[in-house]
Amino acid sequence: MTIFPRSIEEWYKPLTREEKIWIALAFIVALTLAGTTIAWHFIDRSHQVPSIAVEADPREFLSKAMEFSRTYSGKVVPEGTDIYLAAVRFTWIPSELILKAGVTYRIWVSSPDVLHGLSIIGPGDVVYNVMVMPGMAYVIHVKFDKPGEYEIRCNEFCGIGHANMIGRIRVVG
């Protein structure tokens, strides 16, 4: 690399050996990254992509989440029930869910205020991870095979109380 710009004639010279090597290396790296991405798509079938993403009225969704929280506070959520989970600075509504092991649940998640991130963290592993944009509702399908405690954490900085934004999922047998 030179400090002084090349003259116009220099730009039209054939590529040098070193330039050809660097272009080939960049092309090989790009092909490797693309190939790895495509292969991983088929190898890992548990992609963490919401099955539905729709626009949602923040106040309406928040009222659904609060109603759900009042109805199922301290109770096991029955199979087939839609779960409404609202990410509100600096809490989750409801703050605790009690679910059955081995049952697939459909969770609607949204945020009425700012960008949040939903991470469901189990013993030693992240079970689910999705971004939650305000004004949007996302549907995720989760199934917990093992009973135990799982954390719901916000993984996107949402303000000064972000570190305390922790919810719980208790999975019972």
Protein backbone atom coordinates (compact mmCIF):
# COMPACT_ATOMS: atom_id res chain seq x y z
CA MET A 1 0.00 0.00 0.00
CA THR A 2 1.39 3.36 -0.94
CA ILE A 3 1.08 6.71 0.73
CA PHE A 4 0.91 8.55 -2.56
CA PRO A 5 -1.91 7.88 -5.03
CA ARG A 6 -1.14 6.05 -8.23
CA SER A 7 -1.19 7.78 -11.54
CA ILE A 8 -4.06 7.02 -13.93
CA GLU A 9 -1.89 4.72 -16.03
CA GLU A 10 -1.13 2.54 -12.99
CA TRP A 11 -4.81 1.60 -12.58
CA TYR A 12 -4.97 -0.04 -15.99
CA LYS A 13 -2.01 -2.37 -15.56
CA PRO A 14 -2.70 -6.11 -15.19
CA LEU A 15 -3.04 -7.48 -11.65
CA THR A 16 0.18 -8.51 -9.96
CA ARG A 17 0.72 -11.99 -8.54
CA GLU A 18 0.17 -10.74 -4.97
CA GLU A 19 -3.10 -9.03 -5.91
CA LYS A 20 -4.37 -12.21 -7.56
CA ILE A 21 -3.49 -14.23 -4.44
CA TRP A 22 -5.40 -11.81 -2.17
CA ILE A 23 -8.45 -11.82 -4.45
CA ALA A 24 -8.40 -15.64 -4.53
CA LEU A 25 -8.10 -15.82 -0.72
CA ALA A 26 -11.00 -13.40 -0.24
CA PHE A 27 -13.11 -15.44 -2.66
CA ILE A 28 -12.26 -18.70 -0.85
CA VAL A 29 -13.17 -17.18 2.54
CA ALA A 30 -16.49 -15.90 1.15
CA LEU A 31 -17.31 -19.33 -0.33
CA THR A 32 -16.37 -21.05 2.95
CA LEU A 33 -18.64 -18.75 4.98
CA ALA A 34 -21.53 -19.16 2.55
CA GLY A 35 -21.10 -22.95 2.44
CA THR A 36 -20.93 -23.21 6.23
CA THR A 37 -24.09 -21.12 6.61
CA ILE A 38 -26.03 -23.21 4.11
CA ALA A 39 -24.79 -26.49 5.60
CA TRP A 40 -25.65 -25.40 9.14
CA HIS A 41 -29.17 -24.58 8.01
CA PHE A 42 -29.69 -28.26 7.18
CA ILE A 43 -27.66 -29.72 10.06
CA ASP A 44 -29.31 -27.75 12.89
CA ARG A 45 -33.06 -28.14 12.42
CA SER A 46 -33.92 -26.29 15.65
CA HIS A 47 -33.63 -22.80 14.19
CA GLN A 48 -34.60 -20.10 16.62
CA VAL A 49 -36.87 -18.15 14.34
CA PRO A 50 -40.35 -17.08 15.42
CA SER A 51 -43.03 -18.95 13.49
CA ILE A 52 -45.24 -15.85 13.34
CA ALA A 53 -44.38 -12.14 13.48
CA VAL A 54 -47.30 -9.71 13.27
CA GLU A 55 -47.98 -6.09 14.13
CA ALA A 56 -49.64 -5.71 17.51
CA ASP A 57 -51.26 -2.85 19.39
CA PRO A 58 -48.97 -2.43 22.44
CA ARG A 59 -51.79 -1.56 24.87
CA GLU A 60 -53.97 -4.43 23.70
CA PHE A 61 -51.12 -6.93 23.99
CA LEU A 62 -50.16 -5.64 27.43
CA SER A 63 -53.75 -6.05 28.65
CA LYS A 64 -53.78 -9.65 27.29
CA ALA A 65 -50.52 -10.38 29.13
CA MET A 66 -51.87 -8.89 32.37
CA GLU A 67 -55.10 -10.89 32.04
CA PHE A 68 -53.07 -14.05 31.39
CA SER A 69 -50.90 -13.26 34.43
CA ARG A 70 -53.96 -12.84 36.69
CA THR A 71 -55.56 -16.04 35.38
CA TYR A 72 -52.53 -18.35 35.67
CA SER A 73 -50.60 -16.83 38.58
CA GLY A 74 -49.32 -19.77 40.62
CA LYS A 75 -51.11 -22.30 38.39
CA VAL A 76 -49.92 -24.75 35.76
CA VAL A 77 -50.74 -23.49 32.27
CA PRO A 78 -52.95 -26.11 30.58
CA GLU A 79 -51.91 -27.70 27.30
CA GLY A 80 -53.22 -25.82 24.25
CA THR A 81 -53.43 -22.46 26.04
CA ASP A 82 -51.80 -19.48 24.32
CA ILE A 83 -49.29 -17.82 26.64
CA TYR A 84 -48.94 -14.02 26.45
CA LEU A 85 -45.58 -12.70 27.64
CA ALA A 86 -44.92 -8.95 27.63
CA ALA A 87 -41.42 -7.49 27.92
CA VAL A 88 -41.83 -4.20 29.78
CA ARG A 89 -38.99 -2.12 31.16
CA PHE A 90 -37.75 -3.74 33.56
CA THR A 91 -39.93 -6.78 34.06
CA TRP A 92 -41.73 -9.64 32.34
CA ILE A 93 -45.50 -9.94 32.55
CA PRO A 94 -46.14 -12.56 33.83
CA SER A 95 -42.93 -12.82 35.84
CA GLU A 96 -43.37 -16.56 36.38
CA LEU A 97 -44.83 -19.35 34.26
CA ILE A 98 -45.54 -22.88 35.44
CA LEU A 99 -45.50 -25.33 32.53
CA LYS A 100 -45.73 -29.10 32.13
CA ALA A 101 -42.72 -31.08 30.92
CA GLY A 102 -43.10 -32.70 27.51
CA VAL A 103 -45.85 -30.34 26.33
CA THR A 104 -45.39 -27.94 23.41
CA TYR A 105 -46.56 -24.44 24.28
CA ARG A 106 -47.22 -21.49 21.99
CA ILE A 107 -45.88 -18.28 23.52
CA TRP A 108 -46.83 -14.87 22.16
CA VAL A 109 -44.20 -12.30 23.12
CA SER A 110 -44.23 -8.54 22.54
CA SER A 111 -42.96 -5.26 23.94
CA PRO A 112 -44.99 -2.08 24.40
CA ASP A 113 -42.03 0.21 25.05
CA VAL A 114 -38.50 -0.45 23.75
CA LEU A 115 -36.44 -3.12 22.03
CA HIS A 116 -35.93 -6.19 24.22
CA GLY A 117 -34.36 -9.58 23.73
CA LEU A 118 -35.91 -12.79 25.01
CA SER A 119 -33.58 -15.54 26.16
CA ILE A 120 -34.92 -18.63 27.85
CA ILE A 121 -32.00 -20.16 29.69
CA GLY A 122 -32.08 -23.70 31.05
CA PRO A 123 -29.55 -25.66 33.06
CA GLY A 124 -26.32 -24.96 31.18
CA ASP A 125 -27.91 -24.00 27.86
CA VAL A 126 -29.92 -21.33 26.06
CA VAL A 127 -33.21 -22.93 25.08
CA TYR A 128 -34.56 -20.05 23.02
CA ASN A 129 -33.43 -16.62 21.87
CA VAL A 130 -35.37 -13.96 19.92
CA MET A 131 -35.41 -10.17 19.52
CA VAL A 132 -38.63 -8.45 20.62
CA MET A 133 -39.40 -5.21 18.82
CA PRO A 134 -42.03 -2.78 20.11
CA GLY A 135 -45.32 -2.94 18.23
CA MET A 136 -44.68 -6.49 17.01
CA ALA A 137 -45.87 -9.81 18.42
CA TYR A 138 -43.86 -12.97 17.89
CA VAL A 139 -44.94 -16.57 18.32
CA ILE A 140 -42.45 -19.14 19.54
CA HIS A 141 -43.12 -22.80 20.19
CA VAL A 142 -41.28 -24.25 23.16
CA LYS A 143 -41.17 -27.70 24.69
CA PHE A 144 -39.32 -28.46 27.90
CA ASP A 145 -38.40 -32.13 28.24
CA LYS A 146 -36.88 -31.88 31.72
CA PRO A 147 -38.56 -30.50 34.84
CA GLY A 148 -36.65 -27.68 36.49
CA GLU A 149 -36.13 -23.95 36.70
CA TYR A 150 -35.55 -21.86 33.58
CA GLU A 151 -34.80 -18.15 33.45
CA ILE A 152 -36.34 -15.60 31.12
CA ARG A 153 -33.76 -12.88 30.56
CA CYS A 154 -33.70 -9.72 28.52
CA ASN A 155 -30.56 -9.85 26.38
CA GLU A 156 -30.90 -6.39 24.81
CA PHE A 157 -29.94 -3.37 26.92
CA CYS A 158 -33.22 -1.58 27.67
CA GLY A 159 -32.18 0.88 30.37
CA ILE A 160 -30.74 1.16 33.85
CA GLY A 161 -32.79 -1.73 35.31
CA HIS A 162 -31.92 -4.13 32.48
CA ALA A 163 -29.79 -6.42 34.66
CA ASN A 164 -32.76 -7.10 36.94
CA MET A 165 -35.16 -8.03 34.12
CA ILE A 166 -35.45 -11.72 34.97
CA GLY A 167 -38.51 -13.93 34.79
CA ARG A 168 -38.92 -17.61 35.66
CA ILE A 169 -40.33 -20.68 34.02
CA ARG A 170 -40.93 -23.58 36.37
CA VAL A 171 -41.35 -26.86 34.52
CA VAL A 172 -43.15 -29.57 36.47
CA GLY A 173 -43.42 -33.29 35.69
